[in-house]
Amino acid sequence: MPHNKAIKKLERLEKKGLDVEIPSTPWFTDNREAIQAERAEKQRRLAEGANAELLPKYPAPRVRGMSANKPKVGRKDLPTTFKFDL
């Protein structure tokens, strides 16, 4: 697969009416089904594995008032120090 600049150049030539063939990416297009099957297998193993219920679920739920009972922790300001080398 050529770099982005070459692809854009080929697309411009194609708009002008020339017959352009952009080379395919063999590491992705030839193995597309295998890659998708591997991803599905990984998701299945994560969902059905031992102690899968203990794993965190992402994205985390964003519910209003979720941490309403949690005490707010005040942070100390960092000390301001200036060092001037003369």
C-alpha atoms as a PDB file:
ATOM      1  CA  MET A   1       0.000   0.000   0.000  1.00  0.00           C
ATOM      2  CA  PRO A   2       1.525   3.339  -0.957  1.00  0.00           C
ATOM      3  CA  HIS A   3       1.749   6.161   1.539  1.00  0.00           C
ATOM      4  CA  ASN A   4      -1.075   8.712   1.917  1.00  0.00           C
ATOM      5  CA  LYS A   5       0.502  11.324  -0.351  1.00  0.00           C
ATOM      6  CA  ALA A   6       0.782   8.841  -3.206  1.00  0.00           C
ATOM      7  CA  ILE A   7      -2.820   7.702  -2.696  1.00  0.00           C
ATOM      8  CA  LYS A   8      -4.082  11.287  -2.872  1.00  0.00           C
ATOM      9  CA  LYS A   9      -2.042  11.845  -6.032  1.00  0.00           C
ATOM     10  CA  LEU A  10      -3.523   8.719  -7.612  1.00  0.00           C
ATOM     11  CA  GLU A  11      -7.040   9.834  -6.624  1.00  0.00           C
ATOM     12  CA  ARG A  12      -6.458  13.235  -8.254  1.00  0.00           C
ATOM     13  CA  LEU A  13      -5.314  11.512 -11.435  1.00  0.00           C
ATOM     14  CA  GLU A  14      -8.405   9.310 -11.289  1.00  0.00           C
ATOM     15  CA  LYS A  15     -10.645  12.394 -11.049  1.00  0.00           C
ATOM     16  CA  LYS A  16      -9.019  13.676 -14.237  1.00  0.00           C
ATOM     17  CA  GLY A  17     -10.204  10.554 -16.030  1.00  0.00           C
ATOM     18  CA  LEU A  18      -7.155   8.295 -16.009  1.00  0.00           C
ATOM     19  CA  ASP A  19      -7.411   4.613 -15.178  1.00  0.00           C
ATOM     20  CA  VAL A  20      -5.619   4.206 -11.859  1.00  0.00           C
ATOM     21  CA  GLU A  21      -5.058   1.021  -9.891  1.00  0.00           C
ATOM     22  CA  ILE A  22      -4.176   1.380  -6.215  1.00  0.00           C
ATOM     23  CA  PRO A  23      -2.311  -1.672  -4.920  1.00  0.00           C
ATOM     24  CA  SER A  24      -4.129  -3.659  -2.242  1.00  0.00           C
ATOM     25  CA  THR A  25      -2.864  -4.343   1.241  1.00  0.00           C
ATOM     26  CA  PRO A  26      -2.198  -8.088   1.319  1.00  0.00           C
ATOM     27  CA  TRP A  27      -1.670  -8.163   5.105  1.00  0.00           C
ATOM     28  CA  PHE A  28      -5.249  -6.935   5.596  1.00  0.00           C
ATOM     29  CA  THR A  29      -7.389  -7.674   2.540  1.00  0.00           C
ATOM     30  CA  ASP A  30      -6.213 -11.261   2.050  1.00  0.00           C
ATOM     31  CA  ASN A  31      -6.661 -12.139   5.739  1.00  0.00           C
ATOM     32  CA  ARG A  32      -9.819 -10.156   6.472  1.00  0.00           C
ATOM     33  CA  GLU A  33     -11.960 -13.166   7.399  1.00  0.00           C
ATOM     34  CA  ALA A  34      -9.194 -14.657   9.547  1.00  0.00           C
ATOM     35  CA  ILE A  35      -8.704 -11.350  11.382  1.00  0.00           C
ATOM     36  CA  GLN A  36     -12.439 -10.975  12.036  1.00  0.00           C
ATOM     37  CA  ALA A  37     -12.707 -14.584  13.226  1.00  0.00           C
ATOM     38  CA  GLU A  38      -9.747 -14.058  15.556  1.00  0.00           C
ATOM     39  CA  ARG A  39     -11.345 -10.920  17.036  1.00  0.00           C
ATOM     40  CA  ALA A  40     -14.659 -12.718  17.541  1.00  0.00           C
ATOM     41  CA  GLU A  41     -12.889 -15.659  19.209  1.00  0.00           C
ATOM     42  CA  LYS A  42     -11.041 -13.285  21.545  1.00  0.00           C
ATOM     43  CA  GLN A  43     -14.288 -11.539  22.520  1.00  0.00           C
ATOM     44  CA  ARG A  44     -15.967 -14.905  23.117  1.00  0.00           C
ATOM     45  CA  ARG A  45     -13.104 -16.125  25.333  1.00  0.00           C
ATOM     46  CA  LEU A  46     -13.189 -12.883  27.345  1.00  0.00           C
ATOM     47  CA  ALA A  47     -16.956 -13.149  27.835  1.00  0.00           C
ATOM     48  CA  GLU A  48     -17.054 -16.858  28.679  1.00  0.00           C
ATOM     49  CA  GLY A  49     -13.740 -17.266  30.487  1.00  0.00           C
ATOM     50  CA  ALA A  50     -13.175 -18.110  34.124  1.00  0.00           C
ATOM     51  CA  ASN A  51     -14.013 -15.180  36.439  1.00  0.00           C
ATOM     52  CA  ALA A  52     -15.261 -13.122  33.481  1.00  0.00           C
ATOM     53  CA  GLU A  53     -17.784 -11.434  35.763  1.00  0.00           C
ATOM     54  CA  LEU A  54     -14.900  -9.900  37.749  1.00  0.00           C
ATOM     55  CA  LEU A  55     -13.442  -8.121  34.743  1.00  0.00           C
ATOM     56  CA  PRO A  56     -14.314  -4.434  34.464  1.00  0.00           C
ATOM     57  CA  LYS A  57     -16.928  -3.511  31.872  1.00  0.00           C
ATOM     58  CA  TYR A  58     -15.967  -0.732  29.485  1.00  0.00           C
ATOM     59  CA  PRO A  59     -17.111   1.869  28.757  1.00  0.00           C
ATOM     60  CA  ALA A  60     -18.035   2.597  32.354  1.00  0.00           C
ATOM     61  CA  PRO A  61     -21.658   3.628  32.967  1.00  0.00           C
ATOM     62  CA  ARG A  62     -22.169   7.379  33.157  1.00  0.00           C
ATOM     63  CA  VAL A  63     -25.161   7.775  35.468  1.00  0.00           C
ATOM     64  CA  ARG A  64     -26.034  11.150  36.976  1.00  0.00           C
ATOM     65  CA  GLY A  65     -25.412  11.225  40.738  1.00  0.00           C
ATOM     66  CA  MET A  66     -23.306   8.075  40.709  1.00  0.00           C
ATOM     67  CA  SER A  67     -20.766   9.486  43.171  1.00  0.00           C
ATOM     68  CA  ALA A  68     -23.106  11.808  45.095  1.00  0.00           C
ATOM     69  CA  ASN A  69     -22.365  10.080  48.421  1.00  0.00           C
ATOM     70  CA  LYS A  70     -18.623  10.082  47.866  1.00  0.00           C
ATOM     71  CA  PRO A  71     -16.738  12.687  49.929  1.00  0.00           C
ATOM     72  CA  LYS A  72     -14.847  15.287  47.917  1.00  0.00           C
ATOM     73  CA  VAL A  73     -11.103  15.312  48.515  1.00  0.00           C
ATOM     74  CA  GLY A  74      -9.471  18.698  48.520  1.00  0.00           C
ATOM     75  CA  ARG A  75      -6.062  18.917  46.926  1.00  0.00           C
ATOM     76  CA  LYS A  76      -3.212  21.018  48.275  1.00  0.00           C
ATOM     77  CA  ASP A  77      -1.753  23.617  45.973  1.00  0.00           C
ATOM     78  CA  LEU A  78       1.758  22.943  44.825  1.00  0.00           C
ATOM     79  CA  PRO A  79       4.320  25.322  46.313  1.00  0.00           C
ATOM     80  CA  THR A  80       5.512  27.935  43.858  1.00  0.00           C
ATOM     81  CA  THR A  81       9.272  28.125  43.767  1.00  0.00           C
ATOM     82  CA  PHE A  82      11.283  30.070  41.269  1.00  0.00           C
ATOM     83  CA  LYS A  83      14.951  29.537  40.632  1.00  0.00           C
ATOM     84  CA  PHE A  84      16.710  32.043  38.482  1.00  0.00           C
ATOM     85  CA  ASP A  85      20.191  31.182  37.325  1.00  0.00           C
ATOM     86  CA  LEU A  86      22.274  34.268  36.864  1.00  0.00           C
END
